[in-house]
PDB file of all heavy atoms in Angstrom:
ATOM      1  N   GLU A   1     100.517 115.981  94.394  1.00  0.00           N
ATOM      2  CA  GLU A   1     100.165 117.269  93.775  1.00  0.00           C
ATOM      3  C   GLU A   1     100.379 118.351  94.817  1.00  0.00           C
ATOM      4  O   GLU A   1      99.876 118.231  95.941  1.00  0.00           O
ATOM      5  CB  GLU A   1      98.687 117.266  93.353  1.00  0.00           C
ATOM      6  CG  GLU A   1      98.378 116.417  92.123  1.00  0.00           C
ATOM      7  CD  GLU A   1      98.934 117.017  90.834  1.00  0.00           C
ATOM      8  OE1 GLU A   1      99.106 118.244  90.793  1.00  0.00           O
ATOM      9  OE2 GLU A   1      99.216 116.254  89.903  1.00  0.00           O
ATOM     10  N   PRO A   2     101.102 119.412  94.472  1.00  0.00           N
ATOM     11  CA  PRO A   2     101.323 120.458  95.482  1.00  0.00           C
ATOM     12  C   PRO A   2     100.040 121.195  95.879  1.00  0.00           C
ATOM     13  O   PRO A   2      99.925 121.701  96.989  1.00  0.00           O
ATOM     14  CB  PRO A   2     102.319 121.417  94.826  1.00  0.00           C
ATOM     15  CG  PRO A   2     102.267 121.112  93.369  1.00  0.00           C
ATOM     16  CD  PRO A   2     101.830 119.691  93.225  1.00  0.00           C
ATOM     17  N   GLY A   3      99.068 121.264  94.950  1.00  0.00           N
ATOM     18  CA  GLY A   3      97.821 121.967  95.256  1.00  0.00           C
ATOM     19  C   GLY A   3      97.867 123.430  94.845  1.00  0.00           C
ATOM     20  O   GLY A   3      98.853 123.902  94.281  1.00  0.00           O
ATOM     21  N   ASP A   4      96.791 124.139  95.139  1.00  0.00           N
ATOM     22  CA  ASP A   4      96.709 125.562  94.763  1.00  0.00           C
ATOM     23  C   ASP A   4      97.434 126.419  95.792  1.00  0.00           C
ATOM     24  O   ASP A   4      97.181 126.288  97.000  1.00  0.00           O
ATOM     25  CB  ASP A   4      95.237 126.013  94.686  1.00  0.00           C
ATOM     26  CG  ASP A   4      94.493 125.248  93.588  1.00  0.00           C
ATOM     27  OD1 ASP A   4      95.124 124.965  92.556  1.00  0.00           O
ATOM     28  OD2 ASP A   4      93.307 124.920  93.792  1.00  0.00           O
ATOM     29  N   PRO A   5      98.320 127.307  95.307  1.00  0.00           N
ATOM     30  CA  PRO A   5      99.103 128.128  96.252  1.00  0.00           C
ATOM     31  C   PRO A   5      98.222 128.971  97.169  1.00  0.00           C
ATOM     32  O   PRO A   5      97.280 129.614  96.731  1.00  0.00           O
ATOM     33  CB  PRO A   5      99.939 129.028  95.336  1.00  0.00           C
ATOM     34  CG  PRO A   5      99.987 128.312  94.028  1.00  0.00           C
ATOM     35  CD  PRO A   5      98.691 127.575  93.912  1.00  0.00           C
ATOM     36  N   ASN A   6      98.528 128.926  98.439  1.00  0.00           N
ATOM     37  CA  ASN A   6      97.930 129.834  99.430  1.00  0.00           C
ATOM     38  C   ASN A   6      98.881 129.890 100.621  1.00  0.00           C
ATOM     39  O   ASN A   6      99.949 129.271 100.584  1.00  0.00           O
ATOM     40  CB  ASN A   6      96.522 129.367  99.821  1.00  0.00           C
ATOM     41  CG  ASN A   6      96.527 127.990 100.463  1.00  0.00           C
ATOM     42  OD1 ASN A   6      96.963 127.824 101.591  1.00  0.00           O
ATOM     43  ND2 ASN A   6      96.055 126.981  99.717  1.00  0.00           N
ATOM     44  N   CYS A   7      98.500 130.617 101.654  1.00  0.00           N
ATOM     45  CA  CYS A   7      99.456 130.841 102.750  1.00  0.00           C
ATOM     46  C   CYS A   7      99.412 129.744 103.826  1.00  0.00           C
ATOM     47  O   CYS A   7     100.065 129.856 104.851  1.00  0.00           O
ATOM     48  CB  CYS A   7      99.209 132.205 103.385  1.00  0.00           C
ATOM     49  SG  CYS A   7      97.591 132.346 104.131  1.00  0.00           S
ATOM     50  N   ARG A   8      98.645 128.700 103.560  1.00  0.00           N
ATOM     51  CA  ARG A   8      98.551 127.616 104.544  1.00  0.00           C
ATOM     52  C   ARG A   8      99.027 126.306 103.915  1.00  0.00           C
ATOM     53  O   ARG A   8      98.656 125.983 102.791  1.00  0.00           O
ATOM     54  CB  ARG A   8      97.088 127.488 104.988  1.00  0.00           C
ATOM     55  CG  ARG A   8      96.912 126.821 106.336  1.00  0.00           C
ATOM     56  CD  ARG A   8      95.503 127.124 106.850  1.00  0.00           C
ATOM     57  NE  ARG A   8      95.225 126.410 108.089  1.00  0.00           N
ATOM     58  CZ  ARG A   8      95.691 126.769 109.279  1.00  0.00           C
ATOM     59  NH1 ARG A   8      96.471 127.821 109.388  1.00  0.00           N
ATOM     60  NH2 ARG A   8      95.394 126.084 110.356  1.00  0.00           N
ATOM     61  N   ILE A   9      99.866 125.574 104.647  1.00  0.00           N
ATOM     62  CA  ILE A   9     100.351 124.311 104.089  1.00  0.00           C
ATOM     63  C   ILE A   9      99.899 123.131 104.938  1.00  0.00           C
ATOM     64  O   ILE A   9      99.624 123.251 106.131  1.00  0.00           O
ATOM     65  CB  ILE A   9     101.892 124.291 103.908  1.00  0.00           C
ATOM     66  CG1 ILE A   9     102.600 124.586 105.219  1.00  0.00           C
ATOM     67  CG2 ILE A   9     102.336 125.208 102.814  1.00  0.00           C
ATOM     68  CD1 ILE A   9     104.104 124.439 105.145  1.00  0.00           C
ATOM     69  N   TYR A  10      99.832 121.999 104.272  1.00  0.00           N
ATOM     70  CA  TYR A  10      99.382 120.750 104.889  1.00  0.00           C
ATOM     71  C   TYR A  10     100.556 119.780 104.866  1.00  0.00           C
ATOM     72  O   TYR A  10     101.196 119.589 103.829  1.00  0.00           O
ATOM     73  CB  TYR A  10      98.186 120.221 104.075  1.00  0.00           C
ATOM     74  CG  TYR A  10      97.819 118.781 104.338  1.00  0.00           C
ATOM     75  CD1 TYR A  10      97.352 118.380 105.580  1.00  0.00           C
ATOM     76  CD2 TYR A  10      97.928 117.830 103.322  1.00  0.00           C
ATOM     77  CE1 TYR A  10      97.001 117.050 105.813  1.00  0.00           C
ATOM     78  CE2 TYR A  10      97.572 116.503 103.538  1.00  0.00           C
ATOM     79  CZ  TYR A  10      97.110 116.119 104.791  1.00  0.00           C
ATOM     80  OH  TYR A  10      96.765 114.818 105.020  1.00  0.00           O
ATOM     81  N   VAL A  11     100.856 119.199 106.019  1.00  0.00           N
ATOM     82  CA  VAL A  11     101.979 118.269 106.120  1.00  0.00           C
ATOM     83  C   VAL A  11     101.451 116.922 106.601  1.00  0.00           C
ATOM     84  O   VAL A  11     100.689 116.854 107.573  1.00  0.00           O
ATOM     85  CB  VAL A  11     103.039 118.787 107.125  1.00  0.00           C
ATOM     86  CG1 VAL A  11     104.269 117.890 107.146  1.00  0.00           C
ATOM     87  CG2 VAL A  11     103.457 120.202 106.781  1.00  0.00           C
ATOM     88  N   LYS A  12     101.855 115.842 105.913  1.00  0.00           N
ATOM     89  CA  LYS A  12     101.429 114.505 106.363  1.00  0.00           C
ATOM     90  C   LYS A  12     102.624 113.560 106.388  1.00  0.00           C
ATOM     91  O   LYS A  12     103.738 113.939 106.047  1.00  0.00           O
ATOM     92  CB  LYS A  12     100.303 113.978 105.470  1.00  0.00           C
ATOM     93  CG  LYS A  12     100.696 113.687 104.032  1.00  0.00           C
ATOM     94  CD  LYS A  12      99.501 113.131 103.265  1.00  0.00           C
ATOM     95  CE  LYS A  12      99.907 112.821 101.817  1.00  0.00           C
ATOM     96  NZ  LYS A  12      98.801 112.268 101.029  1.00  0.00           N
ATOM     97  N   ASN A  13     102.357 112.319 106.809  1.00  0.00           N
ATOM     98  CA  ASN A  13     103.394 111.298 106.985  1.00  0.00           C
ATOM     99  C   ASN A  13     104.384 111.682 108.090  1.00  0.00           C
ATOM    100  O   ASN A  13     105.587 111.465 107.980  1.00  0.00           O
ATOM    101  CB  ASN A  13     104.148 111.037 105.670  1.00  0.00           C
ATOM    102  CG  ASN A  13     104.881 109.690 105.696  1.00  0.00           C
ATOM    103  OD1 ASN A  13     104.346 108.701 106.161  1.00  0.00           O
ATOM    104  ND2 ASN A  13     106.112 109.666 105.200  1.00  0.00           N
ATOM    105  N   LEU A  14     103.831 112.266 109.163  1.00  0.00           N
ATOM    106  CA  LEU A  14     104.681 112.655 110.292  1.00  0.00           C
ATOM    107  C   LEU A  14     104.808 111.490 111.273  1.00  0.00           C
ATOM    108  O   LEU A  14     103.843 110.771 111.528  1.00  0.00           O
ATOM    109  CB  LEU A  14     104.091 113.865 111.021  1.00  0.00           C
ATOM    110  CG  LEU A  14     104.068 115.176 110.227  1.00  0.00           C
ATOM    111  CD1 LEU A  14     103.259 116.220 110.975  1.00  0.00           C
ATOM    112  CD2 LEU A  14     105.477 115.697 109.970  1.00  0.00           C
ATOM    113  N   ALA A  15     105.995 111.310 111.806  1.00  0.00           N
ATOM    114  CA  ALA A  15     106.225 110.249 112.795  1.00  0.00           C
ATOM    115  C   ALA A  15     105.501 110.588 114.091  1.00  0.00           C
ATOM    116  O   ALA A  15     105.244 111.758 114.378  1.00  0.00           O
ATOM    117  CB  ALA A  15     107.722 110.120 113.049  1.00  0.00           C
ATOM    118  N   LYS A  16     105.197 109.566 114.877  1.00  0.00           N
ATOM    119  CA  LYS A  16     104.418 109.828 116.096  1.00  0.00           C
ATOM    120  C   LYS A  16     105.211 110.634 117.140  1.00  0.00           C
ATOM    121  O   LYS A  16     104.623 111.268 118.013  1.00  0.00           O
ATOM    122  CB  LYS A  16     103.922 108.508 116.704  1.00  0.00           C
ATOM    123  CG  LYS A  16     105.012 107.525 117.076  1.00  0.00           C
ATOM    124  CD  LYS A  16     104.412 106.224 117.595  1.00  0.00           C
ATOM    125  CE  LYS A  16     105.518 105.204 117.910  1.00  0.00           C
ATOM    126  NZ  LYS A  16     104.947 103.900 118.295  1.00  0.00           N
ATOM    127  N   GLN A  17     106.550 110.630 117.009  1.00  0.00           N
ATOM    128  CA  GLN A  17     107.367 111.403 117.972  1.00  0.00           C
ATOM    129  C   GLN A  17     107.323 112.907 117.695  1.00  0.00           C
ATOM    130  O   GLN A  17     107.742 113.708 118.515  1.00  0.00           O
ATOM    131  CB  GLN A  17     108.839 110.993 117.927  1.00  0.00           C
ATOM    132  CG  GLN A  17     109.130 109.535 118.163  1.00  0.00           C
ATOM    133  CD  GLN A  17     109.326 108.790 116.853  1.00  0.00           C
ATOM    134  OE1 GLN A  17     108.448 108.811 115.997  1.00  0.00           O
ATOM    135  NE2 GLN A  17     110.463 108.120 116.678  1.00  0.00           N
ATOM    136  N   VAL A  18     106.871 113.296 116.502  1.00  0.00           N
ATOM    137  CA  VAL A  18     106.917 114.714 116.107  1.00  0.00           C
ATOM    138  C   VAL A  18     106.053 115.564 117.043  1.00  0.00           C
ATOM    139  O   VAL A  18     104.913 115.219 117.357  1.00  0.00           O
ATOM    140  CB  VAL A  18     106.450 114.883 114.640  1.00  0.00           C
ATOM    141  CG1 VAL A  18     106.329 116.364 114.294  1.00  0.00           C
ATOM    142  CG2 VAL A  18     107.415 114.197 113.691  1.00  0.00           C
ATOM    143  N   GLN A  19     106.642 116.684 117.465  1.00  0.00           N
ATOM    144  CA  GLN A  19     105.914 117.638 118.305  1.00  0.00           C
ATOM    145  C   GLN A  19     105.866 118.983 117.590  1.00  0.00           C
ATOM    146  O   GLN A  19     106.582 119.206 116.613  1.00  0.00           O
ATOM    147  CB  GLN A  19     106.616 117.784 119.663  1.00  0.00           C
ATOM    148  CG  GLN A  19     106.628 116.506 120.475  1.00  0.00           C
ATOM    149  CD  GLN A  19     107.390 116.684 121.779  1.00  0.00           C
ATOM    150  OE1 GLN A  19     107.628 117.800 122.238  1.00  0.00           O
ATOM    151  NE2 GLN A  19     107.791 115.576 122.384  1.00  0.00           N
ATOM    152  N   GLU A  20     105.035 119.886 118.145  1.00  0.00           N
ATOM    153  CA  GLU A  20     104.904 121.212 117.507  1.00  0.00           C
ATOM    154  C   GLU A  20     106.244 121.929 117.432  1.00  0.00           C
ATOM    155  O   GLU A  20     106.522 122.633 116.465  1.00  0.00           O
ATOM    156  CB  GLU A  20     103.885 122.066 118.272  1.00  0.00           C
ATOM    157  CG  GLU A  20     102.450 121.672 117.969  1.00  0.00           C
ATOM    158  CD  GLU A  20     101.431 122.659 118.525  1.00  0.00           C
ATOM    159  OE1 GLU A  20     101.834 123.769 118.912  1.00  0.00           O
ATOM    160  OE2 GLU A  20     100.253 122.300 118.579  1.00  0.00           O
ATOM    161  N   LYS A  21     107.075 121.741 118.464  1.00  0.00           N
ATOM    162  CA  LYS A  21     108.372 122.449 118.471  1.00  0.00           C
ATOM    163  C   LYS A  21     109.252 121.996 117.295  1.00  0.00           C
ATOM    164  O   LYS A  21     110.052 122.770 116.770  1.00  0.00           O
ATOM    165  CB  LYS A  21     109.094 122.271 119.807  1.00  0.00           C
ATOM    166  CG  LYS A  21     109.496 120.843 120.114  1.00  0.00           C
ATOM    167  CD  LYS A  21     110.302 120.749 121.411  1.00  0.00           C
ATOM    168  CE  LYS A  21     110.750 119.315 121.647  1.00  0.00           C
ATOM    169  NZ  LYS A  21     111.531 119.177 122.880  1.00  0.00           N
ATOM    170  N   ASP A  22     109.094 120.705 116.889  1.00  0.00           N
ATOM    171  CA  ASP A  22     109.872 120.206 115.740  1.00  0.00           C
ATOM    172  C   ASP A  22     109.440 120.912 114.464  1.00  0.00           C
ATOM    173  O   ASP A  22     110.264 121.260 113.611  1.00  0.00           O
ATOM    174  CB  ASP A  22     109.682 118.695 115.578  1.00  0.00           C
ATOM    175  CG  ASP A  22     110.146 117.913 116.803  1.00  0.00           C
ATOM    176  OD1 ASP A  22     111.264 118.194 117.287  1.00  0.00           O
ATOM    177  OD2 ASP A  22     109.390 117.055 117.279  1.00  0.00           O
ATOM    178  N   LEU A  23     108.129 121.108 114.334  1.00  0.00           N
ATOM    179  CA  LEU A  23     107.606 121.782 113.140  1.00  0.00           C
ATOM    180  C   LEU A  23     107.961 123.268 113.172  1.00  0.00           C
ATOM    181  O   LEU A  23     108.239 123.866 112.135  1.00  0.00           O
ATOM    182  CB  LEU A  23     106.090 121.590 113.050  1.00  0.00           C
ATOM    183  CG  LEU A  23     105.642 120.122 112.855  1.00  0.00           C
ATOM    184  CD1 LEU A  23     104.137 120.015 112.912  1.00  0.00           C
ATOM    185  CD2 LEU A  23     106.159 119.558 111.532  1.00  0.00           C
ATOM    186  N   LYS A  24     107.973 123.839 114.362  1.00  0.00           N
ATOM    187  CA  LYS A  24     108.357 125.258 114.476  1.00  0.00           C
ATOM    188  C   LYS A  24     109.830 125.436 114.097  1.00  0.00           C
ATOM    189  O   LYS A  24     110.204 126.415 113.455  1.00  0.00           O
ATOM    190  CB  LYS A  24     108.123 125.755 115.908  1.00  0.00           C
ATOM    191  CG  LYS A  24     108.360 127.252 116.056  1.00  0.00           C
ATOM    192  CD  LYS A  24     108.158 127.742 117.479  1.00  0.00           C
ATOM    193  CE  LYS A  24     108.434 129.228 117.555  1.00  0.00           C
ATOM    194  NZ  LYS A  24     108.283 129.772 118.912  1.00  0.00           N
ATOM    195  N   PHE A  25     110.649 124.451 114.487  1.00  0.00           N
ATOM    196  CA  PHE A  25     112.083 124.487 114.180  1.00  0.00           C
ATOM    197  C   PHE A  25     112.307 124.509 112.664  1.00  0.00           C
ATOM    198  O   PHE A  25     113.215 125.177 112.166  1.00  0.00           O
ATOM    199  CB  PHE A  25     112.762 123.265 114.813  1.00  0.00           C
ATOM    200  CG  PHE A  25     114.237 123.143 114.486  1.00  0.00           C
ATOM    201  CD1 PHE A  25     115.147 124.070 114.968  1.00  0.00           C
ATOM    202  CD2 PHE A  25     114.712 122.101 113.703  1.00  0.00           C
ATOM    203  CE1 PHE A  25     116.505 123.953 114.676  1.00  0.00           C
ATOM    204  CE2 PHE A  25     116.065 121.980 113.405  1.00  0.00           C
ATOM    205  CZ  PHE A  25     116.953 122.915 113.896  1.00  0.00           C
TER     206      PHE A  25
END
């Protein structure tokens, strides 16, 4: 379910190698 629209998003199922710079990219 996408959820109720707002300006903040939630991301899950990220690999352990993921860093903040990857998400910023």
